[in-house]
Amino acid sequence: MRDRRRRNRLADLAGRGLLVLAAAVTVAILLALLLYVLVKGLPLVSWEFLTALPRRMGRLGGIWPTIVGTLYLSAVALGVAAPLGVAAAVYLAEYAPPGRLTRLCHFGSETLAGVPSIIFGLFGFATFVIFLGLGWSVLSGGLTLALMILPTVIRTAEEALKAVPRAYREGSLALGATRWQTVWHVVLPSALPGILTGLLLGLGRAVGETAAVLLTAGSSLTIPLSPLDPARTMSVHLYLLAVEGISLERAYATAAVLVITILLLNLLATRLVRRLTPKGGHA
């Protein structure tokens, strides 16, 4: 009996040790990548670099048009994906009966989440750029990015809705509220932290995307003034600077700005979740 307990304790300690080791290796790799990019890029980052226009294809000047292009495309993508994704999640979590259609919807969203970004880029190029005649533009790139982040928004929002206790719904219905009133006034506010987390995770992917944007939004270094103007994002600018050998130093500087942007988005997501989640766990 004592030998069995000792073996169980040893197995438990070994399992914990492996988990701690795996977590430590993951964090170490992440920190190594971040430090490498920041050490290489931050010395070149300045106010002029952030606000000036690029010159000589990016060899000189700043990255202001790419910052504007990144924000513009991300806003379009989030503006399209957020209502569609949350509405689909509400249907799947609250209204869809168990059956083939619901399983098909889940299968479709999970399949879309695993499709490579270059496939989305080719689809966006064929559909939005050529077939719909939108050309290389912010609208074409934003719609393509919306399709890319839509599965993430749907799955995270659906899980957040399912995490709301059943008693909340039953209490609202017992007080005479309709099903839609229950969803709108009780379920959605309670699931808001999880929904916002999914939206910001999708936004982080949109900000860092390269292949799909290059095929749909173009690579113009001018500031986009309308949704039909072409644009270059920071990730595309970084890719072109590095691959075409224009300026590796400015590629590292752009990468540092991009990494900091994504880190700020993650910190914002954490801050929003902490502020909107009551201490008891649910709203």
Protein backbone atom coordinates (compact mmCIF):
# COMPACT_ATOMS: atom_id res chain seq x y z
CA MET A 1 0.00 0.00 0.00
CA ARG A 2 2.79 2.39 0.92
CA ASP A 3 4.69 1.46 -2.25
CA ARG A 4 1.63 2.28 -4.35
CA ARG A 5 1.22 5.67 -2.66
CA ARG A 6 4.89 6.38 -3.17
CA ARG A 7 4.65 5.49 -6.85
CA ASN A 8 1.56 7.68 -7.21
CA ARG A 9 3.35 10.61 -5.57
CA LEU A 10 6.36 10.11 -7.83
CA ALA A 11 4.12 9.94 -10.87
CA ASP A 12 2.32 13.09 -9.75
CA LEU A 13 5.62 14.93 -9.21
CA ALA A 14 6.91 13.76 -12.58
CA GLY A 15 3.72 14.93 -14.31
CA ARG A 16 3.90 18.32 -12.64
CA GLY A 17 7.55 18.61 -13.54
CA LEU A 18 6.86 17.89 -17.20
CA LEU A 19 4.04 20.46 -17.26
CA VAL A 20 6.25 23.09 -15.65
CA LEU A 21 9.06 22.26 -18.08
CA ALA A 22 6.75 22.52 -21.08
CA ALA A 23 5.42 25.87 -19.87
CA ALA A 24 8.94 27.16 -19.20
CA VAL A 25 10.17 26.12 -22.65
CA THR A 26 7.18 27.80 -24.30
CA VAL A 27 7.69 31.04 -22.39
CA ALA A 28 11.44 30.94 -23.06
CA ILE A 29 10.92 30.58 -26.82
CA LEU A 30 8.41 33.42 -26.80
CA LEU A 31 10.71 35.70 -24.81
CA ALA A 32 13.66 34.83 -27.03
CA LEU A 33 11.74 35.78 -30.18
CA LEU A 34 10.42 38.99 -28.65
CA LEU A 35 13.80 40.05 -27.29
CA TYR A 36 15.57 39.28 -30.57
CA VAL A 37 13.13 41.39 -32.60
CA LEU A 38 13.00 44.23 -30.07
CA VAL A 39 16.77 44.42 -29.58
CA LYS A 40 17.30 44.49 -33.36
CA GLY A 41 14.48 46.90 -34.14
CA LEU A 42 13.88 49.30 -31.26
CA PRO A 43 17.09 51.33 -31.71
CA LEU A 44 15.77 52.50 -35.10
CA VAL A 45 12.24 53.29 -33.90
CA SER A 46 11.64 57.01 -33.37
CA TRP A 47 8.82 59.49 -33.66
CA GLU A 48 10.01 60.39 -37.15
CA PHE A 49 10.07 56.71 -38.13
CA LEU A 50 6.46 56.31 -36.98
CA THR A 51 5.05 59.49 -38.53
CA ALA A 52 7.12 60.16 -41.67
CA LEU A 53 6.34 59.00 -45.19
CA PRO A 54 8.58 56.33 -46.70
CA ARG A 55 11.14 57.32 -49.33
CA ARG A 56 13.01 55.26 -51.88
CA MET A 57 10.63 52.27 -51.51
CA GLY A 58 11.16 52.22 -47.75
CA ARG A 59 14.95 52.57 -47.58
CA LEU A 60 14.46 55.97 -45.96
CA GLY A 61 11.66 57.78 -44.16
CA GLY A 62 9.03 56.22 -41.94
CA ILE A 63 6.10 53.82 -41.94
CA TRP A 64 3.11 56.09 -41.35
CA PRO A 65 1.15 54.88 -44.45
CA THR A 66 1.58 51.25 -43.34
CA ILE A 67 0.27 52.07 -39.85
CA VAL A 68 -2.78 53.76 -41.37
CA GLY A 69 -3.27 50.85 -43.78
CA THR A 70 -3.05 48.31 -40.94
CA LEU A 71 -5.62 50.18 -38.85
CA TYR A 72 -7.91 50.70 -41.85
CA LEU A 73 -7.93 47.05 -42.92
CA SER A 74 -8.30 45.82 -39.35
CA ALA A 75 -11.29 48.11 -38.79
CA VAL A 76 -13.01 46.84 -41.95
CA ALA A 77 -12.30 43.21 -41.06
CA LEU A 78 -13.56 43.59 -37.50
CA GLY A 79 -16.59 45.61 -38.60
CA VAL A 80 -17.66 42.76 -40.89
CA ALA A 81 -16.62 39.74 -38.83
CA ALA A 82 -17.92 40.93 -35.44
CA PRO A 83 -21.68 41.14 -36.21
CA LEU A 84 -21.63 38.06 -38.47
CA GLY A 85 -19.61 35.97 -36.04
CA VAL A 86 -21.55 36.93 -32.92
CA ALA A 87 -24.89 36.45 -34.70
CA ALA A 88 -23.81 32.99 -35.91
CA ALA A 89 -22.63 32.11 -32.40
CA VAL A 90 -25.95 33.22 -30.89
CA TYR A 91 -27.82 31.03 -33.35
CA LEU A 92 -25.60 27.99 -32.72
CA ALA A 93 -25.62 28.38 -28.92
CA GLU A 94 -29.20 29.50 -28.31
CA TYR A 95 -31.45 28.55 -31.22
CA ALA A 96 -29.96 25.78 -33.36
CA PRO A 97 -31.49 22.37 -32.58
CA PRO A 98 -29.17 19.35 -32.46
CA GLY A 99 -28.97 17.85 -35.92
CA ARG A 100 -27.12 17.70 -39.19
CA LEU A 101 -27.32 21.43 -39.91
CA THR A 102 -25.75 22.34 -36.57
CA ARG A 103 -23.02 19.75 -36.99
CA LEU A 104 -22.40 21.02 -40.51
CA CYS A 105 -22.04 24.60 -39.23
CA HIS A 106 -19.53 23.49 -36.60
CA PHE A 107 -17.62 21.43 -39.13
CA GLY A 108 -17.53 24.35 -41.55
CA SER A 109 -16.20 26.83 -38.99
CA GLU A 110 -13.56 24.39 -37.75
CA THR A 111 -12.48 23.65 -41.33
CA LEU A 112 -12.23 27.34 -42.18
CA ALA A 113 -10.07 27.91 -39.10
CA GLY A 114 -7.50 25.46 -40.49
CA VAL A 115 -7.36 26.81 -44.05
CA PRO A 116 -3.96 28.39 -44.88
CA SER A 117 -4.00 32.15 -45.27
CA ILE A 118 -2.72 31.96 -48.85
CA ILE A 119 -5.92 30.12 -49.81
CA PHE A 120 -7.98 32.96 -48.36
CA GLY A 121 -5.78 35.35 -50.31
CA LEU A 122 -6.39 33.52 -53.58
CA PHE A 123 -10.13 33.38 -52.88
CA GLY A 124 -10.20 37.10 -52.04
CA PHE A 125 -8.19 37.93 -55.16
CA ALA A 126 -10.50 35.91 -57.42
CA THR A 127 -13.75 37.04 -55.74
CA PHE A 128 -13.28 40.60 -54.49
CA VAL A 129 -10.44 41.91 -56.65
CA ILE A 130 -11.45 40.42 -60.01
CA PHE A 131 -15.05 39.13 -59.96
CA LEU A 132 -16.60 41.99 -57.97
CA GLY A 133 -14.26 44.54 -59.53
CA LEU A 134 -13.07 46.05 -56.25
CA GLY A 135 -9.44 45.89 -57.31
CA TRP A 136 -6.53 45.93 -54.89
CA SER A 137 -8.14 47.94 -52.14
CA VAL A 138 -8.76 48.27 -48.43
CA LEU A 139 -12.24 46.82 -48.94
CA SER A 140 -10.96 43.71 -50.72
CA GLY A 141 -8.32 43.11 -48.07
CA GLY A 142 -10.69 43.84 -45.18
CA LEU A 143 -13.34 41.44 -46.48
CA THR A 144 -10.71 38.72 -46.96
CA LEU A 145 -9.41 39.23 -43.42
CA ALA A 146 -12.98 39.14 -42.13
CA LEU A 147 -13.40 35.67 -43.65
CA MET A 148 -10.14 34.58 -42.02
CA ILE A 149 -11.02 35.67 -38.49
CA LEU A 150 -14.70 34.70 -38.71
CA PRO A 151 -14.16 31.10 -37.44
CA THR A 152 -12.23 32.41 -34.41
CA VAL A 153 -14.97 34.89 -33.58
CA ILE A 154 -17.71 32.26 -33.95
CA ARG A 155 -16.03 29.60 -31.83
CA THR A 156 -14.94 31.90 -29.00
CA ALA A 157 -18.29 33.69 -28.89
CA GLU A 158 -20.18 30.38 -28.89
CA GLU A 159 -18.09 29.02 -26.04
CA ALA A 160 -18.60 32.25 -24.09
CA LEU A 161 -22.37 32.00 -24.56
CA LYS A 162 -22.43 28.36 -23.51
CA ALA A 163 -20.47 29.23 -20.36
CA VAL A 164 -23.32 31.43 -19.10
CA PRO A 165 -25.19 29.44 -16.40
CA ARG A 166 -28.49 27.92 -17.45
CA ALA A 167 -30.11 29.41 -14.35
CA TYR A 168 -29.72 32.91 -15.82
CA ARG A 169 -31.86 31.96 -18.79
CA GLU A 170 -34.44 30.13 -16.70
CA GLY A 171 -34.75 33.04 -14.28
CA SER A 172 -35.27 35.54 -17.11
CA LEU A 173 -37.87 33.37 -18.82
CA ALA A 174 -39.66 32.79 -15.52
CA LEU A 175 -40.01 36.57 -15.11
CA GLY A 176 -41.86 36.77 -18.42
CA ALA A 177 -39.08 37.78 -20.80
CA THR A 178 -39.09 36.41 -24.32
CA ARG A 179 -36.29 34.25 -25.59
CA TRP A 180 -34.75 37.09 -27.58
CA GLN A 181 -35.01 39.48 -24.62
CA THR A 182 -33.26 36.88 -22.49
CA VAL A 183 -30.46 36.53 -25.03
CA TRP A 184 -30.07 40.29 -25.55
CA HIS A 185 -30.37 41.53 -21.97
CA VAL A 186 -29.02 38.57 -19.95
CA VAL A 187 -26.92 36.12 -21.97
CA LEU A 188 -24.95 38.51 -24.18
CA PRO A 189 -23.89 40.87 -21.35
CA SER A 190 -22.77 37.89 -19.28
CA ALA A 191 -20.75 36.50 -22.20
CA LEU A 192 -19.30 39.88 -23.21
CA PRO A 193 -15.78 39.32 -21.79
CA GLY A 194 -15.34 36.09 -23.74
CA ILE A 195 -16.77 37.63 -26.91
CA LEU A 196 -14.40 40.60 -26.67
CA THR A 197 -11.49 38.25 -26.14
CA GLY A 198 -12.36 36.39 -29.33
CA LEU A 199 -12.69 39.65 -31.28
CA LEU A 200 -9.30 40.88 -30.11
CA LEU A 201 -7.68 37.53 -30.86
CA GLY A 202 -9.08 37.72 -34.37
CA LEU A 203 -7.89 41.31 -34.64
CA GLY A 204 -4.40 40.23 -33.63
CA ARG A 205 -4.36 37.69 -36.44
CA ALA A 206 -5.60 40.29 -38.92
CA VAL A 207 -2.88 42.75 -37.90
CA GLY A 208 -0.13 40.18 -38.43
CA GLU A 209 -1.41 38.70 -41.71
CA THR A 210 0.73 39.03 -44.85
CA ALA A 211 -0.09 36.66 -47.71
CA ALA A 212 -3.84 37.31 -47.89
CA VAL A 213 -3.36 41.09 -47.64
CA LEU A 214 -0.65 41.21 -50.29
CA LEU A 215 -2.97 39.53 -52.82
CA THR A 216 -6.03 41.66 -52.05
CA ALA A 217 -5.05 45.06 -50.64
CA GLY A 218 -1.90 45.52 -52.69
CA SER A 219 1.34 47.12 -51.55
CA SER A 220 0.92 50.81 -52.25
CA LEU A 221 2.95 53.16 -50.07
CA THR A 222 0.38 55.94 -50.32
CA ILE A 223 -2.05 56.71 -47.49
CA PRO A 224 -5.48 55.19 -48.29
CA LEU A 225 -8.20 57.84 -48.30
CA SER A 226 -11.18 55.62 -49.18
CA PRO A 227 -12.08 51.91 -48.90
CA LEU A 228 -11.37 51.51 -52.63
CA ASP A 229 -7.76 52.71 -52.38
CA PRO A 230 -4.90 50.20 -52.18
CA ALA A 231 -2.91 50.00 -48.97
CA ARG A 232 0.16 48.39 -47.46
CA THR A 233 0.09 46.99 -43.95
CA MET A 234 3.03 46.78 -41.56
CA SER A 235 3.33 43.02 -42.06
CA VAL A 236 3.45 43.39 -45.86
CA HIS A 237 5.97 46.24 -45.54
CA LEU A 238 8.13 44.08 -43.28
CA TYR A 239 7.94 41.19 -45.74
CA LEU A 240 8.89 43.30 -48.76
CA LEU A 241 11.73 45.07 -46.97
CA ALA A 242 13.26 41.75 -45.87
CA VAL A 243 12.60 39.54 -48.91
CA GLU A 244 13.54 42.09 -51.56
CA GLY A 245 16.62 43.19 -49.64
CA ILE A 246 15.52 46.82 -49.47
CA SER A 247 16.54 47.45 -45.86
CA LEU A 248 16.93 44.72 -43.29
CA GLU A 249 17.44 47.27 -40.51
CA ARG A 250 14.11 48.96 -41.23
CA ALA A 251 12.49 45.54 -41.54
CA TYR A 252 13.53 44.82 -37.93
CA ALA A 253 12.23 48.25 -36.86
CA THR A 254 8.88 47.58 -38.54
CA ALA A 255 8.77 44.14 -36.91
CA ALA A 256 9.36 45.74 -33.51
CA VAL A 257 6.44 48.15 -34.03
CA LEU A 258 4.24 45.26 -35.20
CA VAL A 259 5.14 43.12 -32.18
CA ILE A 260 4.44 45.98 -29.79
CA THR A 261 1.08 46.58 -31.49
CA ILE A 262 0.05 42.94 -31.04
CA LEU A 263 1.25 42.96 -27.42
CA LEU A 264 -0.84 46.07 -26.74
CA LEU A 265 -3.88 44.35 -28.26
CA ASN A 266 -3.37 41.36 -25.98
CA LEU A 267 -2.95 43.61 -22.94
CA LEU A 268 -6.11 45.47 -23.92
CA ALA A 269 -7.99 42.16 -24.17
CA THR A 270 -6.78 41.13 -20.71
CA ARG A 271 -7.69 44.52 -19.24
CA LEU A 272 -11.18 44.45 -20.75
CA VAL A 273 -11.86 40.93 -19.53
CA ARG A 274 -10.74 41.81 -15.99
CA ARG A 275 -12.81 44.98 -15.93
CA LEU A 276 -15.98 43.42 -17.37
CA THR A 277 -15.81 40.16 -15.39
CA PRO A 278 -17.26 40.50 -11.87
CA LYS A 279 -15.32 39.04 -8.96
CA GLY A 280 -17.95 36.30 -8.64
CA GLY A 281 -17.09 34.94 -12.06
CA HIS A 282 -20.24 35.82 -14.03
CA ALA A 283 -22.17 38.98 -14.68
